[in-house]
Amino acid sequence: MHVALAGPQDAPALVLLHGWPQHWYLWRNVIPAVAGRYRVIAPDLRGFGWTDAPPGGYRKERMASDVLALLDALGVQRAQLVGHDWGGWIGFLLALRAPERFERYLALNIPPPFMPPRTDPVGAAQAALRIWYQVMLAGPVGAVGMRHGLIDVVWRSALRDPDAMDAATRASFTDAFREPARARASQLLYREFLLRELLPAMAGRYRSTRLTVPTYLLFGEEDDAVDPGVLDGAEAFCDDLTIELVPGVGHFIVDERPDLVVERIGTFLG
C-alpha cells in the first residue's frame, strides 16, 4: 500500500482518502496548508495510484480494512478523517465500524450509507441516469473504456470549473489506468458496488448502526453523480451530523475549492 506522508510525526494524525479516478495527489493543494499542524497520511486505496491492484478485494468493507491495517502499521491509534467520493464512502464505513479510531470526520461529496430507496419513478430514473458512468465502468468494456478516453468524458461532465485541473494533473490520474490491472480494478470496484453493495445499502444494511463520530458533510450541490436529495433524513442515523451545500461546485470539490476544504478542516477538525 502506497502512502504519502507529511508533517511532524508526533502531530495529531489526519487521514485523507481519495476517490475515483484519483489517488493521493487529489490532496495536492490541501497537504501544504495542513501539514504544519497534522501528521498527514494520504494513502492510495487498493487498485489506485501506486498501491497494488490485486484481482479481488474491492468490496468497500474490505478496502476499509486496508485503511485500518495501514493505521495499525503506522502505529496510529486515533486520527482525524477526511474522505472524498469512494474514499468518503469508505470513511463512513470506518467511522461506523471503528468509531474509537476517529475523532471527527469530514466527508466530501458522498452520501452516508443510510440512503433511502427511491420510491417515485421519476426520482429513480434520474438517479439511474446519474450513474451512467458506473454502469459503463462495471460492464464488459469498462476496463477498455478507461484506457480510451472514458475518464476524460467524466472530467468534462463533472468539473464545473475546467481550470481547476490542468492537463498535466488529469494525466497524473488517468495515466495509471493504462496498466490493465488498474483498469480492471476500477471495473471490479464498480461491479462490486452495483451488484453486491448498492441494494443491501438501500435495504437498510447500515441503518441499524448509529454514526457516533461527529461528522461534517461538505457537498458541491451541482454534483452530476450524486443527487443532494439522497442526503435527506441522514441526520436521523447520526449523533452529530452537519450538512453544508456549496453552490456552483460539482463533484470534484477538492479540486475546485481546496481553499474551502482547508478552511473546514481548520474549523471542524481543529
Protein backbone atom coordinates (compact mmCIF):
# COMPACT_ATOMS: atom_id res chain seq x y z
CA MET A 1 0.00 0.00 0.00
CA HIS A 2 1.50 3.31 -1.10
CA VAL A 3 1.04 6.25 1.26
CA ALA A 4 2.11 9.89 1.08
CA LEU A 5 3.20 11.29 4.44
CA ALA A 6 3.75 14.88 5.53
CA GLY A 7 4.03 16.90 8.72
CA PRO A 8 5.57 16.17 12.13
CA GLN A 9 5.40 12.53 13.18
CA ASP A 10 4.32 13.50 16.69
CA ALA A 11 1.47 15.75 15.50
CA PRO A 12 -2.20 14.65 15.54
CA ALA A 13 -2.87 12.26 12.66
CA LEU A 14 -5.01 13.33 9.70
CA VAL A 15 -6.08 10.63 7.22
CA LEU A 16 -7.05 11.77 3.69
CA LEU A 17 -8.90 9.24 1.50
CA HIS A 18 -9.30 9.89 -2.24
CA GLY A 19 -11.96 8.63 -4.62
CA TRP A 20 -12.21 7.52 -8.25
CA PRO A 21 -10.43 8.10 -10.61
CA GLN A 22 -7.78 9.74 -8.46
CA HIS A 23 -5.10 8.85 -5.91
CA TRP A 24 -3.24 10.63 -3.10
CA TYR A 25 -2.40 13.57 -5.40
CA LEU A 26 -6.03 14.69 -5.10
CA TRP A 27 -4.82 16.42 -1.92
CA ARG A 28 -2.02 18.36 -3.67
CA ASN A 29 -3.50 21.74 -2.67
CA VAL A 30 -4.58 20.63 0.81
CA ILE A 31 -1.50 18.92 2.22
CA PRO A 32 0.80 22.00 2.18
CA ALA A 33 -1.83 24.01 4.07
CA VAL A 34 -2.37 21.48 6.87
CA ALA A 35 0.95 19.66 7.23
CA GLY A 36 2.21 22.23 9.73
CA ARG A 37 -0.26 21.07 12.38
CA TYR A 38 -1.02 17.45 11.37
CA ARG A 39 0.76 14.21 10.62
CA VAL A 40 -0.85 13.80 7.20
CA ILE A 41 -1.48 10.25 5.96
CA ALA A 42 -2.75 10.09 2.37
CA PRO A 43 -2.82 6.52 1.03
CA ASP A 44 -3.57 5.23 -2.43
CA LEU A 45 -6.51 2.88 -1.98
CA ARG A 46 -6.42 -0.67 -3.28
CA GLY A 47 -6.12 -0.67 -7.08
CA PHE A 48 -5.26 3.07 -7.32
CA GLY A 49 -2.08 5.06 -7.76
CA TRP A 50 0.96 3.07 -6.65
CA THR A 51 -0.83 0.64 -4.33
CA ASP A 52 -1.15 -2.96 -5.50
CA ALA A 53 -4.05 -3.81 -7.81
CA PRO A 54 -4.88 -7.41 -6.88
CA PRO A 55 -7.55 -9.39 -8.77
CA GLY A 56 -10.02 -9.15 -5.89
CA GLY A 57 -10.95 -7.46 -2.63
CA TYR A 58 -12.86 -4.42 -3.95
CA ARG A 59 -15.83 -4.53 -1.62
CA LYS A 60 -15.73 -1.30 0.32
CA GLU A 61 -15.72 -3.07 3.68
CA ARG A 62 -12.52 -4.82 2.59
CA MET A 63 -10.98 -1.52 1.47
CA ALA A 64 -11.88 -0.02 4.85
CA SER A 65 -9.97 -2.90 6.44
CA ASP A 66 -6.96 -1.91 4.32
CA VAL A 67 -7.03 1.57 5.88
CA LEU A 68 -7.28 0.22 9.42
CA ALA A 69 -4.37 -2.12 8.73
CA LEU A 70 -2.34 0.83 7.46
CA LEU A 71 -3.04 2.82 10.62
CA ASP A 72 -2.00 -0.18 12.70
CA ALA A 73 1.23 -0.49 10.72
CA LEU A 74 1.96 3.21 11.28
CA GLY A 75 1.16 2.98 14.97
CA VAL A 76 -1.77 5.42 14.74
CA GLN A 77 -4.46 4.66 17.29
CA ARG A 78 -6.70 7.70 16.70
CA ALA A 79 -6.96 10.18 13.84
CA GLN A 80 -8.98 12.87 12.17
CA LEU A 81 -10.53 11.65 8.92
CA VAL A 82 -11.36 13.26 5.56
CA GLY A 83 -12.75 11.37 2.56
CA HIS A 84 -13.98 12.21 -0.93
CA ASP A 85 -16.08 10.07 -3.29
CA TRP A 86 -15.27 6.37 -2.66
CA GLY A 87 -12.80 7.49 -0.01
CA GLY A 88 -15.76 9.24 1.59
CA TRP A 89 -17.93 6.13 1.48
CA ILE A 90 -15.09 4.10 2.98
CA GLY A 91 -14.70 6.86 5.56
CA PHE A 92 -18.30 6.38 6.66
CA LEU A 93 -17.76 2.62 6.94
CA LEU A 94 -14.65 3.25 9.05
CA ALA A 95 -16.50 5.62 11.36
CA LEU A 96 -19.34 3.11 11.78
CA ARG A 97 -17.06 0.12 12.34
CA ALA A 98 -14.30 1.65 14.46
CA PRO A 99 -15.56 4.93 15.98
CA GLU A 100 -12.89 4.74 18.68
CA ARG A 101 -10.22 5.28 15.99
CA PHE A 102 -11.54 8.60 14.66
CA GLU A 103 -12.02 11.94 16.40
CA ARG A 104 -14.06 13.66 13.70
CA TYR A 105 -14.94 13.04 10.08
CA LEU A 106 -15.15 15.48 7.16
CA ALA A 107 -16.97 13.84 4.24
CA LEU A 108 -16.84 15.39 0.76
CA ASN A 109 -19.46 14.84 -1.95
CA ILE A 110 -20.54 11.40 -0.86
CA PRO A 111 -23.82 10.40 0.77
CA PRO A 112 -23.88 8.45 4.04
CA PRO A 113 -24.67 4.75 3.56
CA PHE A 114 -28.12 5.26 5.11
CA MET A 115 -29.57 6.12 1.68
CA PRO A 116 -33.33 5.62 1.41
CA PRO A 117 -34.78 3.76 -1.58
CA ARG A 118 -36.23 5.97 -4.32
CA THR A 119 -39.92 5.12 -4.45
CA ASP A 120 -41.03 7.68 -7.03
CA PRO A 121 -40.43 6.57 -10.66
CA VAL A 122 -39.10 9.97 -11.76
CA GLY A 123 -36.62 10.16 -8.91
CA ALA A 124 -35.48 6.59 -9.51
CA ALA A 125 -34.98 7.29 -13.23
CA GLN A 126 -32.99 10.45 -12.50
CA ALA A 127 -30.80 8.57 -10.02
CA ALA A 128 -30.17 5.86 -12.60
CA LEU A 129 -29.13 8.45 -15.19
CA ARG A 130 -26.62 9.95 -12.77
CA ILE A 131 -24.70 6.68 -12.51
CA TRP A 132 -24.42 6.01 -16.25
CA TYR A 133 -20.63 6.02 -15.98
CA GLN A 134 -20.73 3.44 -13.16
CA VAL A 135 -22.72 1.07 -15.34
CA MET A 136 -20.26 1.56 -18.19
CA LEU A 137 -17.24 1.04 -15.93
CA ALA A 138 -18.70 -2.12 -14.40
CA GLY A 139 -19.67 -3.57 -17.78
CA PRO A 140 -17.70 -5.84 -20.10
CA VAL A 141 -15.91 -2.95 -21.85
CA GLY A 142 -15.33 -0.83 -18.74
CA ALA A 143 -11.61 -1.56 -18.43
CA VAL A 144 -11.08 -0.88 -22.13
CA GLY A 145 -13.06 2.35 -21.94
CA MET A 146 -10.83 3.66 -19.16
CA ARG A 147 -7.81 3.25 -21.40
CA HIS A 148 -9.54 5.00 -24.29
CA GLY A 149 -10.97 8.27 -23.05
CA LEU A 150 -13.90 7.40 -20.77
CA ILE A 151 -12.27 9.15 -17.81
CA ASP A 152 -11.83 12.32 -19.87
CA VAL A 153 -15.58 12.31 -20.53
CA VAL A 154 -16.17 12.12 -16.77
CA TRP A 155 -13.83 15.07 -16.14
CA ARG A 156 -15.64 17.21 -18.70
CA SER A 157 -19.09 16.42 -17.33
CA ALA A 158 -18.25 16.64 -13.62
CA LEU A 159 -15.92 19.64 -13.31
CA ARG A 160 -17.85 22.89 -13.05
CA ASP A 161 -14.57 24.84 -13.16
CA PRO A 162 -12.49 23.37 -16.00
CA ASP A 163 -9.45 25.36 -14.83
CA ALA A 164 -9.43 23.51 -11.51
CA MET A 165 -7.45 20.66 -13.06
CA ASP A 166 -4.94 21.23 -15.85
CA ALA A 167 -3.99 18.62 -18.45
CA ALA A 168 -0.86 17.52 -16.59
CA THR A 169 -2.81 16.95 -13.38
CA ARG A 170 -5.51 14.97 -15.18
CA ALA A 171 -2.80 12.87 -16.80
CA SER A 172 -1.25 12.16 -13.39
CA PHE A 173 -4.50 10.40 -12.50
CA THR A 174 -5.56 8.83 -15.79
CA ASP A 175 -2.16 7.51 -16.90
CA ALA A 176 -2.25 4.96 -14.08
CA PHE A 177 -5.18 3.23 -15.77
CA ARG A 178 -3.11 2.43 -18.84
CA GLU A 179 -1.94 -0.52 -16.74
CA PRO A 180 -4.55 -3.25 -17.41
CA ALA A 181 -4.61 -4.44 -13.79
CA ARG A 182 -5.56 -0.96 -12.57
CA ALA A 183 -8.24 -0.51 -15.21
CA ARG A 184 -9.60 -3.89 -14.18
CA ALA A 185 -9.51 -2.84 -10.52
CA SER A 186 -11.83 0.10 -11.22
CA GLN A 187 -14.14 -2.16 -13.16
CA LEU A 188 -14.33 -4.52 -10.17
CA LEU A 189 -14.78 -1.59 -7.76
CA TYR A 190 -17.99 -0.54 -9.52
CA ARG A 191 -19.13 -4.06 -10.27
CA GLU A 192 -18.99 -4.96 -6.59
CA PHE A 193 -20.98 -1.84 -5.73
CA LEU A 194 -23.70 -2.21 -8.33
CA LEU A 195 -24.14 -5.98 -7.98
CA ARG A 196 -23.48 -6.64 -4.29
CA GLU A 197 -23.44 -3.42 -2.24
CA LEU A 198 -25.97 -0.90 -3.55
CA LEU A 199 -29.21 -2.83 -2.94
CA PRO A 200 -28.24 -4.02 0.58
CA ALA A 201 -27.38 -0.42 1.49
CA MET A 202 -30.72 0.81 0.15
CA ALA A 203 -32.45 -2.00 2.04
CA GLY A 204 -31.04 -0.72 5.31
CA ARG A 205 -27.82 -2.65 5.91
CA TYR A 206 -26.21 0.28 7.76
CA ARG A 207 -29.24 1.87 9.38
CA SER A 208 -29.03 -0.31 12.47
CA THR A 209 -25.57 1.08 13.36
CA ARG A 210 -25.64 4.64 14.62
CA LEU A 211 -22.92 7.06 13.46
CA THR A 212 -21.40 8.43 16.67
CA VAL A 213 -18.32 10.12 15.22
CA PRO A 214 -19.05 13.88 14.79
CA THR A 215 -19.34 14.35 11.03
CA TYR A 216 -19.41 17.34 8.68
CA LEU A 217 -20.64 16.70 5.14
CA LEU A 218 -19.42 19.29 2.62
CA PHE A 219 -21.22 18.83 -0.67
CA GLY A 220 -20.95 20.63 -4.01
CA GLU A 221 -24.61 20.86 -4.93
CA GLU A 222 -24.04 20.71 -8.71
CA ASP A 223 -22.77 17.14 -8.44
CA ASP A 224 -23.70 15.21 -11.59
CA ALA A 225 -23.02 11.84 -9.97
CA VAL A 226 -24.82 12.18 -6.63
CA ASP A 227 -28.19 13.86 -6.12
CA PRO A 228 -28.08 16.03 -2.96
CA GLY A 229 -31.59 14.72 -2.31
CA VAL A 230 -30.12 11.45 -1.04
CA LEU A 231 -28.86 13.38 1.99
CA ASP A 232 -32.42 13.93 3.23
CA GLY A 233 -33.03 12.23 6.55
CA ALA A 234 -29.42 11.25 7.17
CA GLU A 235 -29.37 13.16 10.47
CA ALA A 236 -31.76 10.59 11.95
CA PHE A 237 -28.99 7.98 11.93
CA CYS A 238 -26.25 10.23 13.36
CA ASP A 239 -25.48 11.70 16.76
CA ASP A 240 -23.81 14.79 15.28
CA LEU A 241 -24.10 15.50 11.54
CA THR A 242 -23.80 18.88 9.82
CA ILE A 243 -24.52 19.22 6.09
CA GLU A 244 -23.27 22.17 4.05
CA LEU A 245 -24.28 22.51 0.39
CA VAL A 246 -21.87 24.55 -1.73
CA PRO A 247 -23.46 26.30 -4.74
CA GLY A 248 -21.65 26.39 -8.06
CA VAL A 249 -19.41 23.43 -7.25
CA GLY A 250 -19.59 19.96 -8.77
CA HIS A 251 -18.47 16.54 -7.65
CA PHE A 252 -14.73 17.24 -7.53
CA ILE A 253 -14.94 19.72 -4.69
CA VAL A 254 -11.35 19.17 -3.52
CA ASP A 255 -10.05 20.24 -6.94
CA GLU A 256 -12.49 23.12 -7.39
CA ARG A 257 -12.47 24.52 -3.84
CA PRO A 258 -9.35 23.34 -1.98
CA ASP A 259 -9.45 26.60 -0.02
CA LEU A 260 -12.88 25.72 1.37
CA VAL A 261 -11.80 22.17 2.20
CA VAL A 262 -8.76 23.52 4.07
CA GLU A 263 -10.98 26.02 5.90
CA ARG A 264 -13.41 23.29 7.03
CA ILE A 265 -10.51 21.11 8.16
CA GLY A 266 -9.44 24.01 10.33
CA THR A 267 -12.86 24.94 11.69
CA PHE A 268 -14.34 21.46 12.12
CA LEU A 269 -11.38 19.19 12.73
CA GLY A 270 -9.41 21.83 14.60
